[in-house]
Amino acid sequence: MTDHTAQLFSISGGSATPIYRQLVEQVKRLAAAGVLAPGDGLPSVRDVAQELAVNPMTVSKAYGLLEMDGVLTRLRGQGMQVARRRGHGKGEREALLRPALEKAAREARELELDDRTILELFQLVLKETT
């Protein structure tokens, strides 16, 4: 991985989702999409913390959780790398998307939008992002 890997990550300080969780979800999505391939090295905790202006313990916690989940492996003297895993199946990719869809569904219900309007809007957004 290049020195620009830390730029792949972004955080939303105003989000209700803790920063470490945002990082975990981003790494999982990047790995599932193939942006981060097995064997790719991740930037050091210090580099990511500096790039994102967050506490290094936050990044360390995210990396630790990713290691426990088998997404990352720690190689002595080389830092963290994306684990060599089998391909990400459809079910795993769907599971990564589900929290975002649940949040959108809750917000749509709060706005009292009907199902047809919600689905039409989602289809429009899908078309706009291709």
Protein backbone atom coordinates (compact mmCIF):
# COMPACT_ATOMS: atom_id res chain seq x y z
CA MET A 1 0.00 0.00 0.00
CA THR A 2 1.22 3.50 -0.68
CA ASP A 3 1.85 6.27 1.78
CA HIS A 4 -1.52 7.66 0.73
CA THR A 5 -3.51 4.86 2.34
CA ALA A 6 -4.45 7.06 5.28
CA GLN A 7 -6.23 9.30 2.78
CA LEU A 8 -8.61 6.42 2.02
CA PHE A 9 -10.06 6.85 5.48
CA SER A 10 -12.35 9.65 6.48
CA ILE A 11 -14.20 10.32 9.68
CA SER A 12 -17.26 12.30 10.55
CA GLY A 13 -16.77 14.00 13.90
CA GLY A 14 -20.46 14.84 14.17
CA SER A 15 -21.58 11.26 13.60
CA ALA A 16 -23.21 9.24 16.36
CA THR A 17 -20.98 6.36 15.25
CA PRO A 18 -17.73 6.32 17.26
CA ILE A 19 -14.59 7.12 15.27
CA TYR A 20 -13.05 3.68 15.85
CA ARG A 21 -16.23 2.05 14.51
CA GLN A 22 -16.17 4.32 11.44
CA LEU A 23 -12.62 3.15 10.72
CA VAL A 24 -13.52 -0.51 11.22
CA GLU A 25 -16.46 -0.24 8.83
CA GLN A 26 -14.39 1.59 6.22
CA VAL A 27 -11.60 -0.99 6.26
CA LYS A 28 -14.13 -3.82 5.97
CA ARG A 29 -15.84 -2.12 3.01
CA LEU A 30 -12.52 -1.35 1.28
CA ALA A 31 -11.42 -4.97 1.72
CA ALA A 32 -14.76 -6.34 0.49
CA ALA A 33 -14.59 -4.07 -2.58
CA GLY A 34 -11.02 -5.15 -3.35
CA VAL A 35 -9.61 -1.65 -2.86
CA LEU A 36 -7.53 -3.18 -0.07
CA ALA A 37 -6.27 -6.53 -1.30
CA PRO A 38 -4.94 -9.41 0.81
CA GLY A 39 -1.35 -8.67 1.75
CA ASP A 40 -1.71 -4.90 1.40
CA GLY A 41 -0.10 -3.06 4.27
CA LEU A 42 -1.97 -0.45 6.21
CA PRO A 43 -0.41 2.78 7.41
CA SER A 44 0.85 2.87 10.97
CA VAL A 45 -1.41 3.84 13.84
CA ARG A 46 0.58 7.04 14.21
CA ASP A 47 0.26 7.96 10.52
CA VAL A 48 -3.50 7.42 10.45
CA ALA A 49 -3.96 9.30 13.72
CA GLN A 50 -1.98 12.26 12.39
CA GLU A 51 -3.73 12.26 9.02
CA LEU A 52 -7.20 12.18 10.62
CA ALA A 53 -6.29 14.27 13.69
CA VAL A 54 -7.54 11.63 16.11
CA ASN A 55 -6.10 9.95 19.19
CA PRO A 56 -3.73 7.09 18.28
CA MET A 57 -5.57 4.86 20.79
CA THR A 58 -8.69 5.23 18.63
CA VAL A 59 -6.86 3.91 15.56
CA SER A 60 -5.21 1.20 17.63
CA LYS A 61 -8.61 0.07 18.92
CA ALA A 62 -9.96 -0.11 15.34
CA TYR A 63 -6.95 -2.09 14.13
CA GLY A 64 -7.25 -4.44 17.11
CA LEU A 65 -10.92 -5.13 16.40
CA LEU A 66 -10.15 -5.72 12.73
CA GLU A 67 -7.42 -8.16 13.73
CA MET A 68 -9.83 -10.01 16.06
CA ASP A 69 -12.36 -10.20 13.20
CA GLY A 70 -9.70 -11.70 10.92
CA VAL A 71 -9.74 -8.77 8.51
CA LEU A 72 -6.18 -7.71 9.38
CA THR A 73 -3.10 -9.59 10.48
CA ARG A 74 -0.16 -8.19 12.42
CA LEU A 75 3.26 -9.01 11.02
CA ARG A 76 6.19 -8.42 13.31
CA GLY A 77 8.25 -5.51 12.02
CA GLN A 78 5.88 -4.88 9.12
CA GLY A 79 2.74 -3.59 10.81
CA MET A 80 -0.81 -4.49 9.88
CA GLN A 81 -1.76 -6.13 6.61
CA VAL A 82 -5.04 -7.14 5.06
CA ALA A 83 -5.52 -10.80 5.92
CA ARG A 84 -5.35 -13.42 3.23
CA ARG A 85 -8.96 -14.51 3.16
CA ARG A 86 -11.24 -16.13 0.71
CA GLY A 87 -13.30 -13.77 -1.41
CA HIS A 88 -15.98 -11.72 0.20
CA GLY A 89 -19.26 -13.40 -0.57
CA LYS A 90 -22.47 -11.64 -1.41
CA GLY A 91 -23.79 -12.23 2.11
CA GLU A 92 -20.78 -10.55 3.69
CA ARG A 93 -21.05 -7.54 1.38
CA GLU A 94 -24.78 -7.29 2.13
CA ALA A 95 -24.04 -7.38 5.86
CA LEU A 96 -21.65 -4.46 5.43
CA LEU A 97 -24.32 -2.42 3.64
CA ARG A 98 -27.18 -3.28 5.97
CA PRO A 99 -26.39 -0.75 8.76
CA ALA A 100 -26.41 2.15 6.28
CA LEU A 101 -29.72 0.97 4.83
CA GLU A 102 -31.24 0.55 8.31
CA LYS A 103 -30.23 4.10 9.18
CA ALA A 104 -31.72 5.42 5.93
CA ALA A 105 -34.93 3.46 6.57
CA ARG A 106 -35.26 4.91 10.09
CA GLU A 107 -34.76 8.43 8.75
CA ALA A 108 -37.31 7.84 5.98
CA ARG A 109 -39.86 6.64 8.56
CA GLU A 110 -39.16 9.68 10.74
CA LEU A 111 -39.90 11.87 7.70
CA GLU A 112 -43.11 9.86 7.21
CA LEU A 113 -42.28 8.93 3.62
CA ASP A 114 -44.23 6.07 2.06
CA ASP A 115 -42.49 2.94 0.77
CA ARG A 116 -43.02 3.83 -2.89
CA THR A 117 -41.40 7.24 -2.49
CA ILE A 118 -38.49 5.76 -0.54
CA LEU A 119 -37.81 3.08 -3.17
CA GLU A 120 -38.11 5.57 -6.05
CA LEU A 121 -35.67 7.90 -4.33
CA PHE A 122 -33.23 5.07 -3.68
CA GLN A 123 -33.43 3.97 -7.32
CA LEU A 124 -32.73 7.54 -8.40
CA VAL A 125 -29.72 7.76 -6.09
CA LEU A 126 -28.45 4.44 -7.45
CA LYS A 127 -28.66 5.75 -11.01
CA GLU A 128 -26.87 8.97 -10.05
CA THR A 129 -23.95 7.11 -8.49
CA THR A 130 -23.14 4.84 -11.44
